Amino acid sequence: MSNLLRKIKNTLETNEMAAAWFDGIAGTSLYRKFIYYKIRKYASWIKESRRYNVIIETTNLCNARCVMCPHNKMKRKMEVIRDETFDLIVEKLKNEKINPLAFILNGFGDPLTDGKIFERIKILRKEFPRSVVKFYTNLGLANEDTIKNILTSGLSEINVSFNGYGKEDYEKTMGIDYDRTLENLKSLIAERNKMQSRLKIRLSMTLLSQNEGDEKKFINYWKNKADSVSVNKIHSYNKSVEDVSGKNKINFSKPTCPCKYIWNTIVFGTSGDIFLCCLDFEGTYNFGNIASNGILNIYYGEKFSQIREEHLGNRIKNIEMCSSCYTPYRNGVEWLVENLF
């Protein structure tokens, strides 16, 4: 997503008048016809090109205790992906001629809890040289060696989840040390600039009651230091977490739009299962394991295809996970972005 689009997104997330204006446009029959035209065209293209986004949850362990995250309620086994599982994913991607647009090495854990994360990045860079490789992290576990590895492993992008403008709000929100994370982030930016590395450093802040009113200060402070800055409304993770959205409520009375991610993103859990999406923290929608089936056989199987049909038929509220997710209520904006990852 270009920086211009991120700025537009930030405006729509934080400015009620701008959001209402866009809602008005998105509610017209002409706009919705255009979105459905884009969906039909894209669905055909991606099936032929096989340029999917691939999320690999290499770990579901996390050092943070974010108030808007259901990690502490997760009943799935806490683990780091086994080498055999990771290698099988790579093997099957190649055998099925899937050439990912991007790899996102995240699930419900922080990638820095995976002691082999940088080895895995190097494998992906070697086997899929055209693909972007990125991950999201709170950066709290980083040290000097970590920063060196981030810059030399071949990682294309890093998105630092920095959910607070000041120390008090940050620590109240994330449950980890603000000063240490801030120092890690500043060191990463400084070393990246010193090395003239091509690594993209992106920052994001989730909008919630703990950091209410800090949106503009956060954006203005970091916009000239990082490659991009974005603010995001929170998900309820199928109503699994307490609502701490404050004034930034999601309007669930709006018309829904089909979610692009269930067409363009293949999500692997730590055990090799394919899940519905990156928000399915418990693996409730588990479509099969690649140890016993092909990736695309699972992805285009009857159960997953039925969910896409529900989205296309404006029956998203029949799917529990999707009905309380923010994405279907964003007016289909992701369909306006060609290379979305």
C-alpha atoms as a PDB file:
ATOM      1  CA  MET A   1       0.000   0.000   0.000  1.00  0.00           C
ATOM      2  CA  SER A   2       1.455   3.353  -1.006  1.00  0.00           C
ATOM      3  CA  ASN A   3       2.049   6.094   1.527  1.00  0.00           C
ATOM      4  CA  LEU A   4      -0.734   8.142  -0.075  1.00  0.00           C
ATOM      5  CA  LEU A   5      -3.207   5.327   0.465  1.00  0.00           C
ATOM      6  CA  ARG A   6      -2.039   4.965   4.066  1.00  0.00           C
ATOM      7  CA  LYS A   7      -2.680   8.670   4.611  1.00  0.00           C
ATOM      8  CA  ILE A   8      -6.159   8.318   3.164  1.00  0.00           C
ATOM      9  CA  LYS A   9      -6.775   5.299   5.380  1.00  0.00           C
ATOM     10  CA  ASN A  10      -5.592   7.186   8.470  1.00  0.00           C
ATOM     11  CA  THR A  11      -7.964  10.037   7.638  1.00  0.00           C
ATOM     12  CA  LEU A  12     -10.927   7.693   7.227  1.00  0.00           C
ATOM     13  CA  GLU A  13     -10.075   5.960  10.511  1.00  0.00           C
ATOM     14  CA  THR A  14      -9.816   9.148  12.546  1.00  0.00           C
ATOM     15  CA  ASN A  15     -12.041  11.759  10.858  1.00  0.00           C
ATOM     16  CA  GLU A  16     -15.771  11.190  11.275  1.00  0.00           C
ATOM     17  CA  MET A  17     -16.773  13.620   8.525  1.00  0.00           C
ATOM     18  CA  ALA A  18     -14.429  12.024   5.988  1.00  0.00           C
ATOM     19  CA  ALA A  19     -15.630   8.550   6.972  1.00  0.00           C
ATOM     20  CA  ALA A  20     -19.284   9.601   6.608  1.00  0.00           C
ATOM     21  CA  TRP A  21     -18.555  11.097   3.177  1.00  0.00           C
ATOM     22  CA  PHE A  22     -16.936   7.865   1.991  1.00  0.00           C
ATOM     23  CA  ASP A  23     -19.788   5.792   3.477  1.00  0.00           C
ATOM     24  CA  GLY A  24     -22.172   7.833   1.323  1.00  0.00           C
ATOM     25  CA  ILE A  25     -20.227   7.068  -1.847  1.00  0.00           C
ATOM     26  CA  ALA A  26     -19.793   3.404  -0.909  1.00  0.00           C
ATOM     27  CA  GLY A  27     -23.526   3.041  -0.356  1.00  0.00           C
ATOM     28  CA  THR A  28     -24.376   3.797  -3.987  1.00  0.00           C
ATOM     29  CA  SER A  29     -25.304   1.022  -6.391  1.00  0.00           C
ATOM     30  CA  LEU A  30     -22.645   2.198  -8.847  1.00  0.00           C
ATOM     31  CA  TYR A  31     -19.861   1.791  -6.258  1.00  0.00           C
ATOM     32  CA  ARG A  32     -21.045  -1.663  -5.230  1.00  0.00           C
ATOM     33  CA  LYS A  33     -21.286  -2.796  -8.855  1.00  0.00           C
ATOM     34  CA  PHE A  34     -17.722  -1.619  -9.344  1.00  0.00           C
ATOM     35  CA  ILE A  35     -16.518  -3.563  -6.281  1.00  0.00           C
ATOM     36  CA  TYR A  36     -18.198  -6.754  -7.475  1.00  0.00           C
ATOM     37  CA  TYR A  37     -16.671  -6.258 -10.929  1.00  0.00           C
ATOM     38  CA  LYS A  38     -13.248  -6.004  -9.256  1.00  0.00           C
ATOM     39  CA  ILE A  39     -13.922  -9.167  -7.270  1.00  0.00           C
ATOM     40  CA  ARG A  40     -14.850 -11.234 -10.331  1.00  0.00           C
ATOM     41  CA  LYS A  41     -11.835 -10.025 -12.252  1.00  0.00           C
ATOM     42  CA  TYR A  42      -9.450 -10.545  -9.342  1.00  0.00           C
ATOM     43  CA  ALA A  43     -10.761 -14.003  -8.411  1.00  0.00           C
ATOM     44  CA  SER A  44     -10.055 -15.215 -11.932  1.00  0.00           C
ATOM     45  CA  TRP A  45      -6.612 -13.582 -12.066  1.00  0.00           C
ATOM     46  CA  ILE A  46      -5.307 -14.904  -8.769  1.00  0.00           C
ATOM     47  CA  LYS A  47      -6.419 -18.452  -9.448  1.00  0.00           C
ATOM     48  CA  GLU A  48      -4.439 -18.367 -12.687  1.00  0.00           C
ATOM     49  CA  SER A  49      -1.392 -16.409 -11.471  1.00  0.00           C
ATOM     50  CA  ARG A  50      -1.179 -18.073  -8.033  1.00  0.00           C
ATOM     51  CA  ARG A  51       0.288 -14.862  -6.599  1.00  0.00           C
ATOM     52  CA  TYR A  52      -1.237 -15.359  -3.178  1.00  0.00           C
ATOM     53  CA  ASN A  53      -0.158 -13.864   0.094  1.00  0.00           C
ATOM     54  CA  VAL A  54       1.070 -16.604   2.397  1.00  0.00           C
ATOM     55  CA  ILE A  55       0.896 -16.222   6.157  1.00  0.00           C
ATOM     56  CA  ILE A  56       3.060 -18.687   8.058  1.00  0.00           C
ATOM     57  CA  GLU A  57       2.617 -18.701  11.815  1.00  0.00           C
ATOM     58  CA  THR A  58       6.114 -19.744  12.805  1.00  0.00           C
ATOM     59  CA  THR A  59       5.264 -19.223  16.476  1.00  0.00           C
ATOM     60  CA  ASN A  60       2.193 -18.504  18.579  1.00  0.00           C
ATOM     61  CA  LEU A  61       4.220 -17.468  21.620  1.00  0.00           C
ATOM     62  CA  CYS A  62       4.185 -13.803  22.607  1.00  0.00           C
ATOM     63  CA  ASN A  63       5.932 -11.659  25.195  1.00  0.00           C
ATOM     64  CA  ALA A  64       3.261  -8.914  25.232  1.00  0.00           C
ATOM     65  CA  ARG A  65      -0.082  -8.800  27.024  1.00  0.00           C
ATOM     66  CA  CYS A  66      -2.053  -6.438  24.821  1.00  0.00           C
ATOM     67  CA  VAL A  67      -5.489  -5.519  26.161  1.00  0.00           C
ATOM     68  CA  MET A  68      -7.103  -5.864  22.714  1.00  0.00           C
ATOM     69  CA  CYS A  69      -5.618  -9.295  21.927  1.00  0.00           C
ATOM     70  CA  PRO A  70      -7.137 -12.686  22.859  1.00  0.00           C
ATOM     71  CA  HIS A  71      -3.748 -14.391  23.164  1.00  0.00           C
ATOM     72  CA  ASN A  72      -4.180 -15.078  26.880  1.00  0.00           C
ATOM     73  CA  LYS A  73      -7.437 -16.917  26.108  1.00  0.00           C
ATOM     74  CA  MET A  74      -6.034 -19.086  23.341  1.00  0.00           C
ATOM     75  CA  LYS A  75      -6.461 -22.817  23.957  1.00  0.00           C
ATOM     76  CA  ARG A  76      -4.412 -23.946  20.973  1.00  0.00           C
ATOM     77  CA  LYS A  77      -1.084 -25.523  21.797  1.00  0.00           C
ATOM     78  CA  MET A  78       1.617 -22.898  22.349  1.00  0.00           C
ATOM     79  CA  GLU A  79       4.528 -23.809  20.116  1.00  0.00           C
ATOM     80  CA  VAL A  80       7.108 -22.850  17.536  1.00  0.00           C
ATOM     81  CA  ILE A  81       6.626 -24.423  14.117  1.00  0.00           C
ATOM     82  CA  ARG A  82       8.617 -27.625  13.585  1.00  0.00           C
ATOM     83  CA  ASP A  83      11.238 -27.625  10.854  1.00  0.00           C
ATOM     84  CA  GLU A  84       9.443 -30.484   9.096  1.00  0.00           C
ATOM     85  CA  THR A  85       6.216 -28.481   8.920  1.00  0.00           C
ATOM     86  CA  PHE A  86       7.922 -25.341   7.649  1.00  0.00           C
ATOM     87  CA  ASP A  87       9.869 -27.341   5.063  1.00  0.00           C
ATOM     88  CA  LEU A  88       6.686 -29.090   3.916  1.00  0.00           C
ATOM     89  CA  ILE A  89       4.949 -25.738   3.383  1.00  0.00           C
ATOM     90  CA  VAL A  90       7.867 -24.551   1.242  1.00  0.00           C
ATOM     91  CA  GLU A  91       7.957 -27.829  -0.695  1.00  0.00           C
ATOM     92  CA  LYS A  92       4.239 -27.827  -1.442  1.00  0.00           C
ATOM     93  CA  LEU A  93       4.218 -24.156  -2.451  1.00  0.00           C
ATOM     94  CA  LYS A  94       6.902 -24.949  -5.016  1.00  0.00           C
ATOM     95  CA  ASN A  95       5.282 -28.183  -6.204  1.00  0.00           C
ATOM     96  CA  GLU A  96       1.944 -26.421  -6.702  1.00  0.00           C
ATOM     97  CA  LYS A  97       3.666 -23.567  -8.522  1.00  0.00           C
ATOM     98  CA  ILE A  98       2.468 -20.989  -6.015  1.00  0.00           C
ATOM     99  CA  ASN A  99       4.701 -17.934  -6.313  1.00  0.00           C
ATOM    100  CA  PRO A 100       3.611 -15.731  -3.416  1.00  0.00           C
ATOM    101  CA  LEU A 101       3.291 -12.009  -3.745  1.00  0.00           C
ATOM    102  CA  ALA A 102       4.280 -11.823  -0.087  1.00  0.00           C
ATOM    103  CA  PHE A 103       5.114 -13.955   2.903  1.00  0.00           C
ATOM    104  CA  ILE A 104       3.896 -12.644   6.261  1.00  0.00           C
ATOM    105  CA  LEU A 105       5.619 -14.543   9.068  1.00  0.00           C
ATOM    106  CA  ASN A 106       3.014 -13.946  11.715  1.00  0.00           C
ATOM    107  CA  GLY A 107       0.096 -15.538  13.445  1.00  0.00           C
ATOM    108  CA  PHE A 108      -0.802 -15.209  17.101  1.00  0.00           C
ATOM    109  CA  GLY A 109       2.702 -14.758  18.360  1.00  0.00           C
ATOM    110  CA  ASP A 110       5.646 -12.450  18.030  1.00  0.00           C
ATOM    111  CA  PRO A 111       8.140 -13.746  15.437  1.00  0.00           C
ATOM    112  CA  LEU A 112      11.065 -12.851  17.691  1.00  0.00           C
ATOM    113  CA  THR A 113      10.014 -15.719  19.982  1.00  0.00           C
ATOM    114  CA  ASP A 114      11.011 -18.065  17.132  1.00  0.00           C
ATOM    115  CA  GLY A 115      14.740 -18.731  17.509  1.00  0.00           C
ATOM    116  CA  LYS A 116      14.936 -19.772  13.846  1.00  0.00           C
ATOM    117  CA  ILE A 117      13.013 -16.867  12.347  1.00  0.00           C
ATOM    118  CA  PHE A 118      15.980 -15.421  10.481  1.00  0.00           C
ATOM    119  CA  GLU A 119      16.984 -18.831   9.110  1.00  0.00           C
ATOM    120  CA  ARG A 120      13.442 -19.209   7.801  1.00  0.00           C
ATOM    121  CA  ILE A 121      13.555 -15.774   6.173  1.00  0.00           C
ATOM    122  CA  LYS A 122      16.744 -16.731   4.343  1.00  0.00           C
ATOM    123  CA  ILE A 123      15.136 -19.950   3.086  1.00  0.00           C
ATOM    124  CA  LEU A 124      12.156 -18.042   1.706  1.00  0.00           C
ATOM    125  CA  ARG A 125      14.380 -15.420   0.071  1.00  0.00           C
ATOM    126  CA  LYS A 126      16.351 -18.182  -1.634  1.00  0.00           C
ATOM    127  CA  GLU A 127      13.376 -20.246  -2.786  1.00  0.00           C
ATOM    128  CA  PHE A 128      11.056 -17.340  -3.686  1.00  0.00           C
ATOM    129  CA  PRO A 129      13.276 -14.409  -4.701  1.00  0.00           C
ATOM    130  CA  ARG A 130      10.384 -12.418  -6.198  1.00  0.00           C
ATOM    131  CA  SER A 131       8.336 -12.454  -3.016  1.00  0.00           C
ATOM    132  CA  VAL A 132       8.175  -9.809  -0.309  1.00  0.00           C
ATOM    133  CA  VAL A 133       9.018 -11.234   3.127  1.00  0.00           C
ATOM    134  CA  LYS A 134       7.726  -9.298   6.121  1.00  0.00           C
ATOM    135  CA  PHE A 135       6.634  -9.636   9.700  1.00  0.00           C
ATOM    136  CA  TYR A 136       4.897  -7.713  12.457  1.00  0.00           C
ATOM    137  CA  THR A 137       6.505  -7.463  15.890  1.00  0.00           C
ATOM    138  CA  ASN A 138       6.293  -5.450  19.080  1.00  0.00           C
ATOM    139  CA  LEU A 139      10.151  -5.374  18.972  1.00  0.00           C
ATOM    140  CA  GLY A 140      10.297  -5.738  22.748  1.00  0.00           C
ATOM    141  CA  LEU A 141      12.557  -8.802  22.607  1.00  0.00           C
ATOM    142  CA  ALA A 142      15.097  -7.251  20.240  1.00  0.00           C
ATOM    143  CA  ASN A 143      18.733  -6.592  21.091  1.00  0.00           C
ATOM    144  CA  GLU A 144      21.820  -5.583  19.135  1.00  0.00           C
ATOM    145  CA  ASP A 145      22.146  -8.999  17.467  1.00  0.00           C
ATOM    146  CA  THR A 146      18.457  -9.071  16.591  1.00  0.00           C
ATOM    147  CA  ILE A 147      18.676  -5.699  14.885  1.00  0.00           C
ATOM    148  CA  LYS A 148      21.683  -6.874  12.884  1.00  0.00           C
ATOM    149  CA  ASN A 149      19.774  -9.993  11.803  1.00  0.00           C
ATOM    150  CA  ILE A 150      16.706  -7.963  10.845  1.00  0.00           C
ATOM    151  CA  LEU A 151      18.868  -5.896   8.525  1.00  0.00           C
ATOM    152  CA  THR A 152      20.928  -8.727   7.012  1.00  0.00           C
ATOM    153  CA  SER A 153      18.472 -11.650   6.752  1.00  0.00           C
ATOM    154  CA  GLY A 154      16.758 -10.457   3.589  1.00  0.00           C
ATOM    155  CA  LEU A 155      13.624  -9.247   5.328  1.00  0.00           C
ATOM    156  CA  SER A 156      11.767  -6.824   3.042  1.00  0.00           C
ATOM    157  CA  GLU A 157       9.524  -5.102   5.576  1.00  0.00           C
ATOM    158  CA  ILE A 158       9.059  -4.918   9.311  1.00  0.00           C
ATOM    159  CA  ASN A 159       5.936  -3.493  10.896  1.00  0.00           C
ATOM    160  CA  VAL A 160       6.383  -2.486  14.521  1.00  0.00           C
ATOM    161  CA  SER A 161       3.164  -2.522  16.538  1.00  0.00           C
ATOM    162  CA  PHE A 162       3.700   0.479  18.792  1.00  0.00           C
ATOM    163  CA  ASN A 163       0.346   0.911  20.490  1.00  0.00           C
ATOM    164  CA  GLY A 164       0.770   4.141  22.410  1.00  0.00           C
ATOM    165  CA  TYR A 165       2.278   7.580  22.061  1.00  0.00           C
ATOM    166  CA  GLY A 166       3.643   7.841  25.608  1.00  0.00           C
ATOM    167  CA  LYS A 167       5.050   5.482  28.216  1.00  0.00           C
ATOM    168  CA  GLU A 168       1.990   5.229  30.456  1.00  0.00           C
ATOM    169  CA  ASP A 169      -0.521   4.543  27.695  1.00  0.00           C
ATOM    170  CA  TYR A 170       1.842   2.179  25.893  1.00  0.00           C
ATOM    171  CA  GLU A 171       2.564   0.026  28.939  1.00  0.00           C
ATOM    172  CA  LYS A 172      -1.091   0.022  29.949  1.00  0.00           C
ATOM    173  CA  THR A 173      -1.976  -1.210  26.475  1.00  0.00           C
ATOM    174  CA  MET A 174       0.813  -3.691  25.736  1.00  0.00           C
ATOM    175  CA  GLY A 175       2.164  -4.838  29.077  1.00  0.00           C
ATOM    176  CA  ILE A 176       5.827  -4.541  28.052  1.00  0.00           C
ATOM    177  CA  ASP A 177       8.561  -1.996  28.737  1.00  0.00           C
ATOM    178  CA  TYR A 178       8.149   1.204  26.725  1.00  0.00           C
ATOM    179  CA  ASP A 179      11.705   2.478  27.135  1.00  0.00           C
ATOM    180  CA  ARG A 180      13.288  -0.732  25.926  1.00  0.00           C
ATOM    181  CA  THR A 181      11.028  -0.956  22.886  1.00  0.00           C
ATOM    182  CA  LEU A 182      11.565   2.703  22.030  1.00  0.00           C
ATOM    183  CA  GLU A 183      15.329   2.265  22.222  1.00  0.00           C
ATOM    184  CA  ASN A 184      15.123  -0.842  20.011  1.00  0.00           C
ATOM    185  CA  LEU A 185      13.048   1.029  17.450  1.00  0.00           C
ATOM    186  CA  LYS A 186      15.347   4.040  17.363  1.00  0.00           C
ATOM    187  CA  SER A 187      18.384   1.749  17.031  1.00  0.00           C
ATOM    188  CA  LEU A 188      16.759  -0.148  14.176  1.00  0.00           C
ATOM    189  CA  ILE A 189      15.987   3.055  12.294  1.00  0.00           C
ATOM    190  CA  ALA A 190      19.468   4.453  12.900  1.00  0.00           C
ATOM    191  CA  GLU A 191      21.241   1.259  11.805  1.00  0.00           C
ATOM    192  CA  ARG A 192      19.000   0.924   8.761  1.00  0.00           C
ATOM    193  CA  ASN A 193      19.866   4.464   7.705  1.00  0.00           C
ATOM    194  CA  LYS A 194      23.555   3.964   8.431  1.00  0.00           C
ATOM    195  CA  MET A 195      23.702   0.793   6.334  1.00  0.00           C
ATOM    196  CA  GLN A 196      21.504   2.337   3.627  1.00  0.00           C
ATOM    197  CA  SER A 197      19.440  -0.823   3.852  1.00  0.00           C
ATOM    198  CA  ARG A 198      16.355  -1.222   1.646  1.00  0.00           C
ATOM    199  CA  LEU A 199      14.352  -2.589   4.573  1.00  0.00           C
ATOM    200  CA  LYS A 200      10.993  -0.831   4.949  1.00  0.00           C
ATOM    201  CA  ILE A 201      10.205   0.100   8.538  1.00  0.00           C
ATOM    202  CA  ARG A 202       6.514   0.646   9.139  1.00  0.00           C
ATOM    203  CA  LEU A 203       4.745   1.622  12.359  1.00  0.00           C
ATOM    204  CA  SER A 204       1.170   0.992  13.381  1.00  0.00           C
ATOM    205  CA  MET A 205      -0.942   1.979  16.354  1.00  0.00           C
ATOM    206  CA  THR A 206      -4.256   0.387  17.249  1.00  0.00           C
ATOM    207  CA  LEU A 207      -6.953   2.887  18.190  1.00  0.00           C
ATOM    208  CA  LEU A 208      -8.415   2.200  21.613  1.00  0.00           C
ATOM    209  CA  SER A 209      -9.516   4.002  24.752  1.00  0.00           C
ATOM    210  CA  GLN A 210      -6.040   3.825  26.329  1.00  0.00           C
ATOM    211  CA  ASN A 211      -4.457   5.954  23.591  1.00  0.00           C
ATOM    212  CA  GLU A 212      -7.513   8.012  22.665  1.00  0.00           C
ATOM    213  CA  GLY A 213      -6.561  11.452  21.388  1.00  0.00           C
ATOM    214  CA  ASP A 214      -2.966  10.463  20.578  1.00  0.00           C
ATOM    215  CA  GLU A 215      -3.563   9.608  16.920  1.00  0.00           C
ATOM    216  CA  LYS A 216      -2.278  12.823  15.370  1.00  0.00           C
ATOM    217  CA  LYS A 217       0.641  13.126  17.792  1.00  0.00           C
ATOM    218  CA  PHE A 218       1.679   9.563  16.987  1.00  0.00           C
ATOM    219  CA  ILE A 219       1.469  10.103  13.225  1.00  0.00           C
ATOM    220  CA  ASN A 220       3.251  13.473  13.309  1.00  0.00           C
ATOM    221  CA  TYR A 221       6.075  12.239  15.541  1.00  0.00           C
ATOM    222  CA  TRP A 222       6.910   9.153  13.494  1.00  0.00           C
ATOM    223  CA  LYS A 223       5.959  10.065   9.908  1.00  0.00           C
ATOM    224  CA  ASN A 224       9.417  11.378   8.995  1.00  0.00           C
ATOM    225  CA  LYS A 225      11.276   8.656  10.885  1.00  0.00           C
ATOM    226  CA  ALA A 226       9.603   5.518   9.535  1.00  0.00           C
ATOM    227  CA  ASP A 227       8.647   4.621   5.963  1.00  0.00           C
ATOM    228  CA  SER A 228       4.975   4.719   6.871  1.00  0.00           C
ATOM    229  CA  VAL A 229       2.704   5.171   9.862  1.00  0.00           C
ATOM    230  CA  SER A 230      -0.829   3.856  10.158  1.00  0.00           C
ATOM    231  CA  VAL A 231      -3.586   3.771  12.750  1.00  0.00           C
ATOM    232  CA  ASN A 232      -6.138   0.969  12.867  1.00  0.00           C
ATOM    233  CA  LYS A 233      -9.425   0.217  14.533  1.00  0.00           C
ATOM    234  CA  ILE A 234      -9.490  -2.900  16.679  1.00  0.00           C
ATOM    235  CA  HIS A 235     -11.041  -6.283  15.977  1.00  0.00           C
ATOM    236  CA  SER A 236     -13.129  -8.140  18.531  1.00  0.00           C
ATOM    237  CA  TYR A 237     -11.748 -11.544  17.453  1.00  0.00           C
ATOM    238  CA  ASN A 238     -15.194 -13.068  17.292  1.00  0.00           C
ATOM    239  CA  LYS A 239     -16.200 -11.115  20.418  1.00  0.00           C
ATOM    240  CA  SER A 240     -13.469 -12.824  22.412  1.00  0.00           C
ATOM    241  CA  VAL A 241     -12.024  -9.670  23.966  1.00  0.00           C
ATOM    242  CA  GLU A 242     -13.451  -6.826  25.981  1.00  0.00           C
ATOM    243  CA  ASP A 243     -14.430  -3.777  23.943  1.00  0.00           C
ATOM    244  CA  VAL A 244     -11.715  -1.186  24.568  1.00  0.00           C
ATOM    245  CA  SER A 245     -12.295   0.746  21.352  1.00  0.00           C
ATOM    246  CA  GLY A 246     -13.368   3.926  23.137  1.00  0.00           C
ATOM    247  CA  LYS A 247     -14.694   6.473  20.640  1.00  0.00           C
ATOM    248  CA  ASN A 248     -13.406   4.459  17.666  1.00  0.00           C
ATOM    249  CA  LYS A 249     -16.368   2.116  17.396  1.00  0.00           C
ATOM    250  CA  ILE A 250     -16.998  -0.001  14.332  1.00  0.00           C
ATOM    251  CA  ASN A 251     -20.351   0.683  12.701  1.00  0.00           C
ATOM    252  CA  PHE A 252     -21.822  -2.792  12.338  1.00  0.00           C
ATOM    253  CA  SER A 253     -25.061  -1.401  10.907  1.00  0.00           C
ATOM    254  CA  LYS A 254     -23.343  -0.549   7.606  1.00  0.00           C
ATOM    255  CA  PRO A 255     -23.717  -2.751   4.515  1.00  0.00           C
ATOM    256  CA  THR A 256     -20.951  -5.338   4.265  1.00  0.00           C
ATOM    257  CA  CYS A 257     -18.529  -5.984   1.419  1.00  0.00           C
ATOM    258  CA  PRO A 258     -16.770  -9.279   0.648  1.00  0.00           C
ATOM    259  CA  CYS A 259     -13.357  -9.568   2.292  1.00  0.00           C
ATOM    260  CA  LYS A 260     -10.467  -9.708  -0.164  1.00  0.00           C
ATOM    261  CA  TYR A 261      -8.268 -11.678   2.214  1.00  0.00           C
ATOM    262  CA  ILE A 262     -10.274 -14.897   1.836  1.00  0.00           C
ATOM    263  CA  TRP A 263      -9.460 -14.771  -1.876  1.00  0.00           C
ATOM    264  CA  ASN A 264      -5.810 -13.740  -1.739  1.00  0.00           C
ATOM    265  CA  THR A 265      -4.318 -14.997   1.532  1.00  0.00           C
ATOM    266  CA  ILE A 266      -3.446 -18.555   2.592  1.00  0.00           C
ATOM    267  CA  VAL A 267      -2.999 -18.835   6.365  1.00  0.00           C
ATOM    268  CA  PHE A 268      -0.921 -21.627   7.905  1.00  0.00           C
ATOM    269  CA  GLY A 269      -1.005 -22.303  11.652  1.00  0.00           C
ATOM    270  CA  THR A 270       2.045 -23.657  13.463  1.00  0.00           C
ATOM    271  CA  SER A 271       0.954 -27.262  12.895  1.00  0.00           C
ATOM    272  CA  GLY A 272       0.382 -26.912   9.140  1.00  0.00           C
ATOM    273  CA  ASP A 273      -3.376 -26.412   9.285  1.00  0.00           C
ATOM    274  CA  ILE A 274      -4.973 -23.903   6.913  1.00  0.00           C
ATOM    275  CA  PHE A 275      -7.197 -21.434   8.764  1.00  0.00           C
ATOM    276  CA  LEU A 276      -9.823 -18.987   7.548  1.00  0.00           C
ATOM    277  CA  CYS A 277      -7.789 -15.849   8.184  1.00  0.00           C
ATOM    278  CA  CYS A 278      -5.194 -14.187  10.362  1.00  0.00           C
ATOM    279  CA  LEU A 279      -7.823 -13.311  13.010  1.00  0.00           C
ATOM    280  CA  ASP A 280      -8.868 -16.918  13.591  1.00  0.00           C
ATOM    281  CA  PHE A 281      -6.686 -17.200  16.699  1.00  0.00           C
ATOM    282  CA  GLU A 282      -8.172 -20.491  17.860  1.00  0.00           C
ATOM    283  CA  GLY A 283      -8.210 -22.145  14.443  1.00  0.00           C
ATOM    284  CA  THR A 284     -11.978 -22.491  14.722  1.00  0.00           C
ATOM    285  CA  TYR A 285     -12.278 -22.488  10.936  1.00  0.00           C
ATOM    286  CA  ASN A 286      -9.750 -25.201  10.134  1.00  0.00           C
ATOM    287  CA  PHE A 287     -10.006 -26.470   6.559  1.00  0.00           C
ATOM    288  CA  GLY A 288      -7.348 -29.166   6.645  1.00  0.00           C
ATOM    289  CA  ASN A 289      -3.701 -30.004   7.143  1.00  0.00           C
ATOM    290  CA  ILE A 290      -1.134 -30.000   4.356  1.00  0.00           C
ATOM    291  CA  ALA A 291       0.364 -33.247   5.641  1.00  0.00           C
ATOM    292  CA  SER A 292      -2.625 -35.041   4.112  1.00  0.00           C
ATOM    293  CA  ASN A 293      -3.771 -32.739   1.306  1.00  0.00           C
ATOM    294  CA  GLY A 294      -2.593 -30.184  -1.222  1.00  0.00           C
ATOM    295  CA  ILE A 295      -2.604 -26.483  -0.403  1.00  0.00           C
ATOM    296  CA  LEU A 296      -4.924 -25.444  -3.219  1.00  0.00           C
ATOM    297  CA  ASN A 297      -7.151 -28.492  -2.743  1.00  0.00           C
ATOM    298  CA  ILE A 298      -7.788 -27.207   0.766  1.00  0.00           C
ATOM    299  CA  TYR A 299      -8.005 -23.535  -0.185  1.00  0.00           C
ATOM    300  CA  TYR A 300     -10.552 -24.185  -2.930  1.00  0.00           C
ATOM    301  CA  GLY A 301     -12.286 -27.023  -1.139  1.00  0.00           C
ATOM    302  CA  GLU A 302     -16.033 -27.095  -0.579  1.00  0.00           C
ATOM    303  CA  LYS A 303     -16.005 -25.610   2.947  1.00  0.00           C
ATOM    304  CA  PHE A 304     -13.768 -22.649   2.145  1.00  0.00           C
ATOM    305  CA  SER A 305     -15.555 -22.001  -1.153  1.00  0.00           C
ATOM    306  CA  GLN A 306     -18.885 -21.901   0.667  1.00  0.00           C
ATOM    307  CA  ILE A 307     -17.617 -19.083   2.881  1.00  0.00           C
ATOM    308  CA  ARG A 308     -16.653 -17.083  -0.210  1.00  0.00           C
ATOM    309  CA  GLU A 309     -20.154 -17.651  -1.568  1.00  0.00           C
ATOM    310  CA  GLU A 310     -21.631 -16.336   1.679  1.00  0.00           C
ATOM    311  CA  HIS A 311     -19.536 -13.194   1.298  1.00  0.00           C
ATOM    312  CA  LEU A 312     -20.575 -12.713  -2.335  1.00  0.00           C
ATOM    313  CA  GLY A 313     -24.228 -13.273  -1.454  1.00  0.00           C
ATOM    314  CA  ASN A 314     -24.190 -10.575   1.241  1.00  0.00           C
ATOM    315  CA  ARG A 315     -24.647 -13.226   3.924  1.00  0.00           C
ATOM    316  CA  ILE A 316     -21.490 -12.399   5.867  1.00  0.00           C
ATOM    317  CA  LYS A 317     -23.426 -12.208   9.126  1.00  0.00           C
ATOM    318  CA  ASN A 318     -24.095 -15.948   8.797  1.00  0.00           C
ATOM    319  CA  ILE A 319     -20.378 -16.515   9.493  1.00  0.00           C
ATOM    320  CA  GLU A 320     -19.680 -15.884  13.155  1.00  0.00           C
ATOM    321  CA  MET A 321     -16.028 -14.950  12.741  1.00  0.00           C
ATOM    322  CA  CYS A 322     -16.706 -12.558   9.866  1.00  0.00           C
ATOM    323  CA  SER A 323     -19.830 -10.942  11.310  1.00  0.00           C
ATOM    324  CA  SER A 324     -17.880  -9.207  14.081  1.00  0.00           C
ATOM    325  CA  CYS A 325     -14.751  -8.457  12.048  1.00  0.00           C
ATOM    326  CA  TYR A 326     -13.915  -4.902  10.996  1.00  0.00           C
ATOM    327  CA  THR A 327     -12.844  -5.711   7.440  1.00  0.00           C
ATOM    328  CA  PRO A 328     -16.284  -6.373   5.854  1.00  0.00           C
ATOM    329  CA  TYR A 329     -17.447  -2.982   7.173  1.00  0.00           C
ATOM    330  CA  ARG A 330     -14.688  -0.948   5.472  1.00  0.00           C
ATOM    331  CA  ASN A 331     -16.622  -0.441   2.247  1.00  0.00           C
ATOM    332  CA  GLY A 332     -14.482  -2.902   0.313  1.00  0.00           C
ATOM    333  CA  VAL A 333     -11.505  -0.532   0.209  1.00  0.00           C
ATOM    334  CA  GLU A 334      -9.058  -3.420  -0.031  1.00  0.00           C
ATOM    335  CA  TRP A 335     -10.475  -4.219  -3.482  1.00  0.00           C
ATOM    336  CA  LEU A 336      -9.231  -0.813  -4.647  1.00  0.00           C
ATOM    337  CA  VAL A 337      -5.608  -1.783  -3.891  1.00  0.00           C
ATOM    338  CA  GLU A 338      -4.025  -4.071  -6.482  1.00  0.00           C
ATOM    339  CA  ASN A 339      -1.018  -5.490  -4.636  1.00  0.00           C
ATOM    340  CA  LEU A 340      -2.375  -5.805  -1.116  1.00  0.00           C
ATOM    341  CA  PHE A 341      -0.310  -7.648   1.471  1.00  0.00           C
END
